[in-house]
């Protein structure tokens, strides 16, 4: 991975965290370390009482098999999880949660 790609990923992450907070969500950035399990989504949040996890990807990257597995396990457990490539995708997920909860999109 080039330095430019890492910067794009960190920029995307910072923008995603800001967006989730602006929309009223609580968000935690998962840092992979010896104490964290591999393959966990990058961001875990609570939005309108729902457990939501996002695996952030920049153009050209795809989730690993382990990341796909973790996303499927979250969904099977009743949470919402998705690999996303843009802020618009994150916003769509959160808008859909809002729509299901309140019957309309947020203003």
PDB file of N, CA and C in Angstrom:
ATOM      1  N   UNK A   1       0.844  -1.169   0.000  1.00  0.00           N
ATOM      2  CA  UNK A   1       0.000   0.000   0.000  1.00  0.00           C
ATOM      3  C   UNK A   1       0.892   1.235   0.000  1.00  0.00           C
ATOM      4  N   UNK A   2       0.577   2.194  -0.815  1.00  0.00           N
ATOM      5  CA  UNK A   2       1.413   3.383  -0.888  1.00  0.00           C
ATOM      6  C   UNK A   2       1.019   4.380   0.190  1.00  0.00           C
ATOM      7  N   UNK A   3       1.895   5.321   0.426  1.00  0.00           N
ATOM      8  CA  UNK A   3       1.614   6.354   1.418  1.00  0.00           C
ATOM      9  C   UNK A   3       0.364   7.128   1.037  1.00  0.00           C
ATOM     10  N   UNK A   4       0.175   7.407  -0.265  1.00  0.00           N
ATOM     11  CA  UNK A   4      -1.007   8.120  -0.726  1.00  0.00           C
ATOM     12  C   UNK A   4      -2.286   7.377  -0.381  1.00  0.00           C
ATOM     13  N   UNK A   5      -2.295   6.062  -0.546  1.00  0.00           N
ATOM     14  CA  UNK A   5      -3.476   5.269  -0.232  1.00  0.00           C
ATOM     15  C   UNK A   5      -3.758   5.299   1.267  1.00  0.00           C
ATOM     16  N   UNK A   6      -2.723   5.184   2.094  1.00  0.00           N
ATOM     17  CA  UNK A   6      -2.918   5.240   3.542  1.00  0.00           C
ATOM     18  C   UNK A   6      -3.532   6.575   3.941  1.00  0.00           C
ATOM     19  N   UNK A   7      -3.074   7.652   3.326  1.00  0.00           N
ATOM     20  CA  UNK A   7      -3.619   8.964   3.630  1.00  0.00           C
ATOM     21  C   UNK A   7      -5.094   9.025   3.247  1.00  0.00           C
ATOM     22  N   UNK A   8      -5.452   8.486   2.103  1.00  0.00           N
ATOM     23  CA  UNK A   8      -6.852   8.464   1.694  1.00  0.00           C
ATOM     24  C   UNK A   8      -7.704   7.696   2.695  1.00  0.00           C
ATOM     25  N   UNK A   9      -7.186   6.556   3.172  1.00  0.00           N
ATOM     26  CA  UNK A   9      -7.927   5.768   4.148  1.00  0.00           C
ATOM     27  C   UNK A   9      -8.108   6.550   5.451  1.00  0.00           C
ATOM     28  N   UNK A  10      -7.069   7.221   5.909  1.00  0.00           N
ATOM     29  CA  UNK A  10      -7.185   7.982   7.155  1.00  0.00           C
ATOM     30  C   UNK A  10      -8.113   9.180   6.977  1.00  0.00           C
ATOM     31  N   UNK A  11      -8.074   9.827   5.815  1.00  0.00           N
ATOM     32  CA  UNK A  11      -8.990  10.933   5.538  1.00  0.00           C
ATOM     33  C   UNK A  11     -10.428  10.439   5.521  1.00  0.00           C
ATOM     34  N   UNK A  12     -10.662   9.324   4.834  1.00  0.00           N
ATOM     35  CA  UNK A  12     -12.002   8.740   4.762  1.00  0.00           C
ATOM     36  C   UNK A  12     -12.501   8.409   6.167  1.00  0.00           C
ATOM     37  N   UNK A  13     -11.638   7.836   6.971  1.00  0.00           N
ATOM     38  CA  UNK A  13     -12.013   7.469   8.329  1.00  0.00           C
ATOM     39  C   UNK A  13     -12.394   8.698   9.157  1.00  0.00           C
ATOM     40  N   UNK A  14     -11.590   9.736   9.094  1.00  0.00           N
ATOM     41  CA  UNK A  14     -11.872  10.969   9.838  1.00  0.00           C
ATOM     42  C   UNK A  14     -13.192  11.587   9.379  1.00  0.00           C
ATOM     43  N   UNK A  15     -13.419  11.603   8.079  1.00  0.00           N
ATOM     44  CA  UNK A  15     -14.671  12.158   7.538  1.00  0.00           C
ATOM     45  C   UNK A  15     -15.865  11.303   7.947  1.00  0.00           C
ATOM     46  N   UNK A  16     -15.694   9.979   7.958  1.00  0.00           N
ATOM     47  CA  UNK A  16     -16.783   9.073   8.339  1.00  0.00           C
ATOM     48  C   UNK A  16     -17.153   9.271   9.806  1.00  0.00           C
ATOM     49  N   UNK A  17     -16.158   9.380  10.662  1.00  0.00           N
ATOM     50  CA  UNK A  17     -16.412   9.604  12.087  1.00  0.00           C
ATOM     51  C   UNK A  17     -17.158  10.916  12.283  1.00  0.00           C
ATOM     52  N   UNK A  18     -16.727  11.945  11.600  1.00  0.00           N
ATOM     53  CA  UNK A  18     -17.374  13.257  11.696  1.00  0.00           C
ATOM     54  C   UNK A  18     -18.830  13.170  11.237  1.00  0.00           C
ATOM     55  N   UNK A  19     -19.085  12.503  10.123  1.00  0.00           N
ATOM     56  CA  UNK A  19     -20.445  12.365   9.587  1.00  0.00           C
ATOM     57  C   UNK A  19     -21.352  11.628  10.576  1.00  0.00           C
ATOM     58  N   UNK A  20     -20.884  10.506  11.095  1.00  0.00           N
ATOM     59  CA  UNK A  20     -21.695   9.717  12.028  1.00  0.00           C
ATOM     60  C   UNK A  20     -22.035  10.544  13.264  1.00  0.00           C
ATOM     61  N   UNK A  21     -21.061  11.277  13.784  1.00  0.00           N
ATOM     62  CA  UNK A  21     -21.310  12.132  14.954  1.00  0.00           C
ATOM     63  C   UNK A  21     -22.294  13.247  14.611  1.00  0.00           C
ATOM     64  N   UNK A  22     -22.134  13.870  13.443  1.00  0.00           N
ATOM     65  CA  UNK A  22     -23.041  14.943  13.031  1.00  0.00           C
ATOM     66  C   UNK A  22     -24.484  14.450  12.905  1.00  0.00           C
ATOM     67  N   UNK A  23     -24.635  13.180  12.523  1.00  0.00           N
ATOM     68  CA  UNK A  23     -25.975  12.615  12.369  1.00  0.00           C
ATOM     69  C   UNK A  23     -26.533  12.090  13.692  1.00  0.00           C
ATOM     70  N   UNK A  24     -25.777  12.268  14.779  1.00  0.00           N
ATOM     71  CA  UNK A  24     -26.262  11.894  16.101  1.00  0.00           C
ATOM     72  C   UNK A  24     -25.828  10.527  16.581  1.00  0.00           C
ATOM     73  N   UNK A  25     -24.895   9.911  15.882  1.00  0.00           N
ATOM     74  CA  UNK A  25     -24.426   8.583  16.282  1.00  0.00           C
ATOM     75  C   UNK A  25     -23.241   8.650  17.224  1.00  0.00           C
ATOM     76  N   UNK A  26     -23.046   7.576  17.940  1.00  0.00           N
ATOM     77  CA  UNK A  26     -21.872   7.389  18.794  1.00  0.00           C
ATOM     78  C   UNK A  26     -20.969   6.427  18.050  1.00  0.00           C
ATOM     79  N   UNK A  27     -19.685   6.764  17.914  1.00  0.00           N
ATOM     80  CA  UNK A  27     -18.795   5.942  17.090  1.00  0.00           C
ATOM     81  C   UNK A  27     -17.497   5.637  17.808  1.00  0.00           C
ATOM     82  N   UNK A  28     -17.023   4.412  17.596  1.00  0.00           N
ATOM     83  CA  UNK A  28     -15.748   3.966  18.149  1.00  0.00           C
ATOM     84  C   UNK A  28     -14.887   3.478  16.999  1.00  0.00           C
ATOM     85  N   UNK A  29     -13.646   3.940  16.941  1.00  0.00           N
ATOM     86  CA  UNK A  29     -12.672   3.492  15.953  1.00  0.00           C
ATOM     87  C   UNK A  29     -11.976   2.273  16.519  1.00  0.00           C
ATOM     88  N   UNK A  30     -11.999   1.178  15.775  1.00  0.00           N
ATOM     89  CA  UNK A  30     -11.339  -0.042  16.217  1.00  0.00           C
ATOM     90  C   UNK A  30      -9.874  -0.006  15.763  1.00  0.00           C
ATOM     91  N   UNK A  31      -8.957  -0.136  16.713  1.00  0.00           N
ATOM     92  CA  UNK A  31      -7.533  -0.187  16.412  1.00  0.00           C
ATOM     93  C   UNK A  31      -7.076  -1.638  16.502  1.00  0.00           C
ATOM     94  N   UNK A  32      -6.532  -2.152  15.444  1.00  0.00           N
ATOM     95  CA  UNK A  32      -6.046  -3.526  15.465  1.00  0.00           C
ATOM     96  C   UNK A  32      -4.732  -3.560  16.234  1.00  0.00           C
ATOM     97  N   UNK A  33      -4.665  -4.468  17.188  1.00  0.00           N
ATOM     98  CA  UNK A  33      -3.455  -4.623  17.999  1.00  0.00           C
ATOM     99  C   UNK A  33      -3.407  -6.054  18.510  1.00  0.00           C
ATOM    100  N   UNK A  34      -2.449  -6.314  19.333  1.00  0.00           N
ATOM    101  CA  UNK A  34      -2.338  -7.646  19.938  1.00  0.00           C
ATOM    102  C   UNK A  34      -3.543  -7.938  20.830  1.00  0.00           C
ATOM    103  N   UNK A  35      -4.244  -6.888  21.262  1.00  0.00           N
ATOM    104  CA  UNK A  35      -5.378  -7.050  22.169  1.00  0.00           C
ATOM    105  C   UNK A  35      -6.718  -7.085  21.442  1.00  0.00           C
ATOM    106  N   UNK A  36      -6.727  -6.755  20.179  1.00  0.00           N
ATOM    107  CA  UNK A  36      -7.960  -6.758  19.382  1.00  0.00           C
ATOM    108  C   UNK A  36      -7.921  -7.907  18.400  1.00  0.00           C
ATOM    109  N   UNK A  37      -9.072  -8.471  18.142  1.00  0.00           N
ATOM    110  CA  UNK A  37      -9.167  -9.574  17.198  1.00  0.00           C
ATOM    111  C   UNK A  37      -9.066  -9.052  15.760  1.00  0.00           C
ATOM    112  N   UNK A  38      -8.424  -9.799  14.906  1.00  0.00           N
ATOM    113  CA  UNK A  38      -8.248  -9.423  13.506  1.00  0.00           C
ATOM    114  C   UNK A  38      -9.590  -9.430  12.776  1.00  0.00           C
ATOM    115  N   UNK A  39      -9.715  -8.600  11.755  1.00  0.00           N
ATOM    116  CA  UNK A  39     -10.891  -8.614  10.891  1.00  0.00           C
ATOM    117  C   UNK A  39     -12.076  -7.818  11.385  1.00  0.00           C
ATOM    118  N   UNK A  40     -11.943  -7.166  12.548  1.00  0.00           N
ATOM    119  CA  UNK A  40     -13.065  -6.379  13.057  1.00  0.00           C
ATOM    120  C   UNK A  40     -13.290  -5.157  12.167  1.00  0.00           C
ATOM    121  N   UNK A  41     -14.547  -4.709  12.030  1.00  0.00           N
ATOM    122  CA  UNK A  41     -14.820  -3.521  11.226  1.00  0.00           C
ATOM    123  C   UNK A  41     -14.069  -2.302  11.769  1.00  0.00           C
ATOM    124  N   UNK A  42     -13.787  -1.358  10.882  1.00  0.00           N
ATOM    125  CA  UNK A  42     -13.043  -0.157  11.272  1.00  0.00           C
ATOM    126  C   UNK A  42     -13.795   0.708  12.269  1.00  0.00           C
ATOM    127  N   UNK A  43     -15.094   0.864  12.053  1.00  0.00           N
ATOM    128  CA  UNK A  43     -15.906   1.721  12.910  1.00  0.00           C
ATOM    129  C   UNK A  43     -17.100   0.939  13.440  1.00  0.00           C
ATOM    130  N   UNK A  44     -17.334   1.066  14.727  1.00  0.00           N
ATOM    131  CA  UNK A  44     -18.507   0.476  15.361  1.00  0.00           C
ATOM    132  C   UNK A  44     -19.275   1.636  15.967  1.00  0.00           C
ATOM    133  N   UNK A  45     -20.587   1.668  15.724  1.00  0.00           N
ATOM    134  CA  UNK A  45     -21.348   2.789  16.255  1.00  0.00           C
ATOM    135  C   UNK A  45     -22.734   2.360  16.714  1.00  0.00           C
ATOM    136  N   UNK A  46     -23.340   3.265  17.459  1.00  0.00           N
ATOM    137  CA  UNK A  46     -24.720   3.114  17.867  1.00  0.00           C
ATOM    138  C   UNK A  46     -25.470   4.278  17.247  1.00  0.00           C
ATOM    139  N   UNK A  47     -26.508   3.965  16.487  1.00  0.00           N
ATOM    140  CA  UNK A  47     -27.308   5.004  15.844  1.00  0.00           C
ATOM    141  C   UNK A  47     -28.777   4.661  16.055  1.00  0.00           C
ATOM    142  N   UNK A  48     -29.474   5.521  16.763  1.00  0.00           N
ATOM    143  CA  UNK A  48     -30.884   5.326  17.095  1.00  0.00           C
ATOM    144  C   UNK A  48     -31.121   3.969  17.753  1.00  0.00           C
ATOM    145  N   UNK A  49     -30.188   3.591  18.615  1.00  0.00           N
ATOM    146  CA  UNK A  49     -30.322   2.350  19.354  1.00  0.00           C
ATOM    147  C   UNK A  49     -29.932   1.103  18.581  1.00  0.00           C
ATOM    148  N   UNK A  50     -29.398   1.273  17.382  1.00  0.00           N
ATOM    149  CA  UNK A  50     -29.000   0.136  16.549  1.00  0.00           C
ATOM    150  C   UNK A  50     -27.484  -0.017  16.563  1.00  0.00           C
ATOM    151  N   UNK A  51     -27.038  -1.266  16.563  1.00  0.00           N
ATOM    152  CA  UNK A  51     -25.616  -1.574  16.468  1.00  0.00           C
ATOM    153  C   UNK A  51     -25.249  -1.565  14.989  1.00  0.00           C
ATOM    154  N   UNK A  52     -24.309  -0.695  14.618  1.00  0.00           N
ATOM    155  CA  UNK A  52     -23.911  -0.539  13.219  1.00  0.00           C
ATOM    156  C   UNK A  52     -22.393  -0.595  13.129  1.00  0.00           C
ATOM    157  N   UNK A  53     -21.895  -1.342  12.148  1.00  0.00           N
ATOM    158  CA  UNK A  53     -20.448  -1.440  11.945  1.00  0.00           C
ATOM    159  C   UNK A  53     -20.125  -1.185  10.483  1.00  0.00           C
ATOM    160  N   UNK A  54     -19.059  -0.442  10.261  1.00  0.00           N
ATOM    161  CA  UNK A  54     -18.624  -0.129   8.901  1.00  0.00           C
ATOM    162  C   UNK A  54     -17.180  -0.570   8.701  1.00  0.00           C
ATOM    163  N   UNK A  55     -16.949  -1.296   7.631  1.00  0.00           N
ATOM    164  CA  UNK A  55     -15.590  -1.604   7.173  1.00  0.00           C
ATOM    165  C   UNK A  55     -15.301  -0.601   6.078  1.00  0.00           C
ATOM    166  N   UNK A  56     -14.377   0.311   6.307  1.00  0.00           N
ATOM    167  CA  UNK A  56     -14.073   1.374   5.352  1.00  0.00           C
ATOM    168  C   UNK A  56     -13.070   0.876   4.320  1.00  0.00           C
ATOM    169  N   UNK A  57     -13.378   1.107   3.067  1.00  0.00           N
ATOM    170  CA  UNK A  57     -12.501   0.698   1.974  1.00  0.00           C
ATOM    171  C   UNK A  57     -12.345   1.848   0.991  1.00  0.00           C
ATOM    172  N   UNK A  58     -11.145   1.991   0.476  1.00  0.00           N
ATOM    173  CA  UNK A  58     -10.908   2.970  -0.576  1.00  0.00           C
ATOM    174  C   UNK A  58     -10.971   2.248  -1.910  1.00  0.00           C
ATOM    175  N   UNK A  59     -11.137   3.018  -2.965  1.00  0.00           N
ATOM    176  CA  UNK A  59     -11.305   2.471  -4.305  1.00  0.00           C
ATOM    177  C   UNK A  59     -10.262   1.406  -4.623  1.00  0.00           C
ATOM    178  N   UNK A  60     -10.737   0.275  -5.131  1.00  0.00           N
ATOM    179  CA  UNK A  60      -9.840  -0.798  -5.519  1.00  0.00           C
ATOM    180  C   UNK A  60      -9.613  -1.843  -4.452  1.00  0.00           C
ATOM    181  N   UNK A  61      -9.892  -1.527  -3.194  1.00  0.00           N
ATOM    182  CA  UNK A  61      -9.711  -2.486  -2.100  1.00  0.00           C
ATOM    183  C   UNK A  61     -11.023  -3.216  -1.833  1.00  0.00           C
ATOM    184  N   UNK A  62     -10.912  -4.463  -1.442  1.00  0.00           N
ATOM    185  CA  UNK A  62     -12.080  -5.259  -1.086  1.00  0.00           C
ATOM    186  C   UNK A  62     -11.870  -5.843   0.305  1.00  0.00           C
ATOM    187  N   UNK A  63     -12.972  -6.141   1.000  1.00  0.00           N
ATOM    188  CA  UNK A  63     -12.826  -6.771   2.310  1.00  0.00           C
ATOM    189  C   UNK A  63     -12.159  -8.141   2.185  1.00  0.00           C
ATOM    190  N   UNK A  64     -11.369  -8.488   3.176  1.00  0.00           N
ATOM    191  CA  UNK A  64     -10.763  -9.823   3.221  1.00  0.00           C
ATOM    192  C   UNK A  64     -11.846 -10.840   3.552  1.00  0.00           C
ATOM    193  N   UNK A  65     -11.521 -12.108   3.406  1.00  0.00           N
ATOM    194  CA  UNK A  65     -12.474 -13.163   3.772  1.00  0.00           C
ATOM    195  C   UNK A  65     -12.847 -13.067   5.247  1.00  0.00           C
ATOM    196  N   UNK A  66     -11.874 -12.774   6.098  1.00  0.00           N
ATOM    197  CA  UNK A  66     -12.145 -12.637   7.523  1.00  0.00           C
ATOM    198  C   UNK A  66     -13.056 -11.441   7.799  1.00  0.00           C
ATOM    199  N   UNK A  67     -12.831 -10.324   7.110  1.00  0.00           N
ATOM    200  CA  UNK A  67     -13.697  -9.157   7.286  1.00  0.00           C
ATOM    201  C   UNK A  67     -15.119  -9.464   6.818  1.00  0.00           C
ATOM    202  N   UNK A  68     -15.247 -10.154   5.683  1.00  0.00           N
ATOM    203  CA  UNK A  68     -16.579 -10.564   5.206  1.00  0.00           C
ATOM    204  C   UNK A  68     -17.266 -11.452   6.234  1.00  0.00           C
ATOM    205  N   UNK A  69     -16.513 -12.382   6.809  1.00  0.00           N
ATOM    206  CA  UNK A  69     -17.051 -13.286   7.819  1.00  0.00           C
ATOM    207  C   UNK A  69     -17.571 -12.492   9.030  1.00  0.00           C
ATOM    208  N   UNK A  70     -16.777 -11.529   9.499  1.00  0.00           N
ATOM    209  CA  UNK A  70     -17.181 -10.730  10.668  1.00  0.00           C
ATOM    210  C   UNK A  70     -18.427  -9.909  10.360  1.00  0.00           C
ATOM    211  N   UNK A  71     -18.516  -9.352   9.151  1.00  0.00           N
ATOM    212  CA  UNK A  71     -19.702  -8.601   8.739  1.00  0.00           C
ATOM    213  C   UNK A  71     -20.926  -9.517   8.776  1.00  0.00           C
ATOM    214  N   UNK A  72     -20.795 -10.716   8.232  1.00  0.00           N
ATOM    215  CA  UNK A  72     -21.913 -11.675   8.230  1.00  0.00           C
ATOM    216  C   UNK A  72     -22.317 -12.059   9.652  1.00  0.00           C
ATOM    217  N   UNK A  73     -21.345 -12.247  10.552  1.00  0.00           N
ATOM    218  CA  UNK A  73     -21.656 -12.594  11.944  1.00  0.00           C
ATOM    219  C   UNK A  73     -22.426 -11.465  12.642  1.00  0.00           C
ATOM    220  N   UNK A  74     -22.054 -10.231  12.380  1.00  0.00           N
ATOM    221  CA  UNK A  74     -22.778  -9.091  12.970  1.00  0.00           C
ATOM    222  C   UNK A  74     -24.214  -9.086  12.470  1.00  0.00           C
ATOM    223  N   UNK A  75     -24.405  -9.274  11.175  1.00  0.00           N
ATOM    224  CA  UNK A  75     -25.746  -9.290  10.597  1.00  0.00           C
ATOM    225  C   UNK A  75     -26.562 -10.445  11.186  1.00  0.00           C
ATOM    226  N   UNK A  76     -25.961 -11.625  11.300  1.00  0.00           N
ATOM    227  CA  UNK A  76     -26.648 -12.786  11.883  1.00  0.00           C
ATOM    228  C   UNK A  76     -27.033 -12.539  13.336  1.00  0.00           C
ATOM    229  N   UNK A  77     -26.298 -11.685  14.011  1.00  0.00           N
ATOM    230  CA  UNK A  77     -26.571 -11.369  15.416  1.00  0.00           C
ATOM    231  C   UNK A  77     -27.590 -10.248  15.581  1.00  0.00           C
ATOM    232  N   UNK A  78     -28.108  -9.730  14.468  1.00  0.00           N
ATOM    233  CA  UNK A  78     -29.125  -8.685  14.527  1.00  0.00           C
ATOM    234  C   UNK A  78     -28.596  -7.280  14.356  1.00  0.00           C
ATOM    235  N   UNK A  79     -27.305  -7.136  14.128  1.00  0.00           N
ATOM    236  CA  UNK A  79     -26.717  -5.821  13.898  1.00  0.00           C
ATOM    237  C   UNK A  79     -26.726  -5.472  12.419  1.00  0.00           C
ATOM    238  N   UNK A  80     -26.229  -4.319  12.124  1.00  0.00           N
ATOM    239  CA  UNK A  80     -26.107  -3.838  10.750  1.00  0.00           C
ATOM    240  C   UNK A  80     -24.626  -3.672  10.486  1.00  0.00           C
ATOM    241  N   UNK A  81     -24.144  -4.230   9.387  1.00  0.00           N
ATOM    242  CA  UNK A  81     -22.725  -4.124   9.051  1.00  0.00           C
ATOM    243  C   UNK A  81     -22.572  -4.104   7.546  1.00  0.00           C
ATOM    244  N   UNK A  82     -21.593  -3.317   7.088  1.00  0.00           N
ATOM    245  CA  UNK A  82     -21.398  -3.174   5.651  1.00  0.00           C
ATOM    246  C   UNK A  82     -20.004  -2.652   5.368  1.00  0.00           C
ATOM    247  N   UNK A  83     -19.433  -3.137   4.269  1.00  0.00           N
ATOM    248  CA  UNK A  83     -18.213  -2.527   3.737  1.00  0.00           C
ATOM    249  C   UNK A  83     -18.659  -1.337   2.905  1.00  0.00           C
ATOM    250  N   UNK A  84     -18.061  -0.182   3.135  1.00  0.00           N
ATOM    251  CA  UNK A  84     -18.461   1.033   2.424  1.00  0.00           C
ATOM    252  C   UNK A  84     -17.246   1.696   1.768  1.00  0.00           C
ATOM    253  N   UNK A  85     -17.528   2.358   0.651  1.00  0.00           N
ATOM    254  CA  UNK A  85     -16.484   2.999  -0.141  1.00  0.00           C
ATOM    255  C   UNK A  85     -16.651   4.515  -0.217  1.00  0.00           C
ATOM    256  N   UNK A  86     -17.715   5.044   0.415  1.00  0.00           N
ATOM    257  CA  UNK A  86     -17.951   6.485   0.335  1.00  0.00           C
ATOM    258  C   UNK A  86     -18.773   6.959   1.529  1.00  0.00           C
ATOM    259  N   UNK A  87     -18.704   8.249   1.773  1.00  0.00           N
ATOM    260  CA  UNK A  87     -19.529   8.849   2.828  1.00  0.00           C
ATOM    261  C   UNK A  87     -21.000   8.725   2.476  1.00  0.00           C
ATOM    262  N   UNK A  88     -21.312   8.763   1.190  1.00  0.00           N
ATOM    263  CA  UNK A  88     -22.700   8.637   0.747  1.00  0.00           C
ATOM    264  C   UNK A  88     -23.285   7.287   1.158  1.00  0.00           C
ATOM    265  N   UNK A  89     -22.471   6.227   1.064  1.00  0.00           N
ATOM    266  CA  UNK A  89     -22.954   4.905   1.477  1.00  0.00           C
ATOM    267  C   UNK A  89     -23.249   4.869   2.973  1.00  0.00           C
ATOM    268  N   UNK A  90     -22.407   5.500   3.765  1.00  0.00           N
ATOM    269  CA  UNK A  90     -22.643   5.558   5.209  1.00  0.00           C
ATOM    270  C   UNK A  90     -23.930   6.321   5.482  1.00  0.00           C
ATOM    271  N   UNK A  91     -24.077   7.449   4.825  1.00  0.00           N
ATOM    272  CA  UNK A  91     -25.268   8.271   5.005  1.00  0.00           C
ATOM    273  C   UNK A  91     -26.528   7.502   4.600  1.00  0.00           C
ATOM    274  N   UNK A  92     -26.473   6.738   3.516  1.00  0.00           N
ATOM    275  CA  UNK A  92     -27.625   5.943   3.079  1.00  0.00           C
ATOM    276  C   UNK A  92     -28.018   4.921   4.148  1.00  0.00           C
ATOM    277  N   UNK A  93     -27.035   4.253   4.735  1.00  0.00           N
ATOM    278  CA  UNK A  93     -27.325   3.275   5.785  1.00  0.00           C
ATOM    279  C   UNK A  93     -28.005   3.964   6.965  1.00  0.00           C
ATOM    280  N   UNK A  94     -27.453   5.082   7.408  1.00  0.00           N
ATOM    281  CA  UNK A  94     -28.022   5.787   8.560  1.00  0.00           C
ATOM    282  C   UNK A  94     -29.394   6.361   8.235  1.00  0.00           C
ATOM    283  N   UNK A  95     -29.580   6.863   7.019  1.00  0.00           N
ATOM    284  CA  UNK A  95     -30.907   7.353   6.613  1.00  0.00           C
ATOM    285  C   UNK A  95     -31.930   6.223   6.600  1.00  0.00           C
ATOM    286  N   UNK A  96     -31.533   5.054   6.159  1.00  0.00           N
ATOM    287  CA  UNK A  96     -32.445   3.912   6.136  1.00  0.00           C
ATOM    288  C   UNK A  96     -32.843   3.501   7.555  1.00  0.00           C
ATOM    289  N   UNK A  97     -31.893   3.530   8.484  1.00  0.00           N
ATOM    290  CA  UNK A  97     -32.219   3.238   9.880  1.00  0.00           C
ATOM    291  C   UNK A  97     -33.230   4.258  10.395  1.00  0.00           C
ATOM    292  N   UNK A  98     -32.995   5.531  10.095  1.00  0.00           N
ATOM    293  CA  UNK A  98     -33.907   6.599  10.509  1.00  0.00           C
ATOM    294  C   UNK A  98     -35.286   6.375   9.905  1.00  0.00           C
ATOM    295  N   UNK A  99     -35.334   6.034   8.607  1.00  0.00           N
ATOM    296  CA  UNK A  99     -36.607   5.822   7.909  1.00  0.00           C
ATOM    297  C   UNK A  99     -37.389   4.673   8.544  1.00  0.00           C
ATOM    298  N   UNK A 100     -36.701   3.588   8.844  1.00  0.00           N
ATOM    299  CA  UNK A 100     -37.359   2.437   9.474  1.00  0.00           C
ATOM    300  C   UNK A 100     -37.881   2.823  10.863  1.00  0.00           C
ATOM    301  N   UNK A 101     -37.103   3.589  11.591  1.00  0.00           N
ATOM    302  CA  UNK A 101     -37.483   3.981  12.953  1.00  0.00           C
ATOM    303  C   UNK A 101     -38.631   4.986  12.965  1.00  0.00           C
ATOM    304  N   UNK A 102     -38.580   5.979  12.060  1.00  0.00           N
ATOM    305  CA  UNK A 102     -39.522   7.086  12.127  1.00  0.00           C
ATOM    306  C   UNK A 102     -40.437   7.221  10.914  1.00  0.00           C
ATOM    307  N   UNK A 103     -40.244   6.409   9.898  1.00  0.00           N
ATOM    308  CA  UNK A 103     -41.129   6.454   8.740  1.00  0.00           C
ATOM    309  C   UNK A 103     -40.786   7.498   7.701  1.00  0.00           C
ATOM    310  N   UNK A 104     -39.677   8.219   7.882  1.00  0.00           N
ATOM    311  CA  UNK A 104     -39.251   9.210   6.894  1.00  0.00           C
ATOM    312  C   UNK A 104     -37.758   9.437   7.029  1.00  0.00           C
ATOM    313  N   UNK A 105     -37.155  10.095   6.036  1.00  0.00           N
ATOM    314  CA  UNK A 105     -35.734  10.434   6.100  1.00  0.00           C
ATOM    315  C   UNK A 105     -35.544  11.660   6.985  1.00  0.00           C
ATOM    316  N   UNK A 106     -34.367  11.790   7.620  1.00  0.00           N
ATOM    317  CA  UNK A 106     -34.116  12.985   8.438  1.00  0.00           C
ATOM    318  C   UNK A 106     -34.045  14.224   7.554  1.00  0.00           C
ATOM    319  N   UNK A 107     -34.422  15.349   8.125  1.00  0.00           N
ATOM    320  CA  UNK A 107     -34.379  16.615   7.362  1.00  0.00           C
ATOM    321  C   UNK A 107     -33.025  17.244   7.410  1.00  0.00           C
TER     322      UNK A 107
END
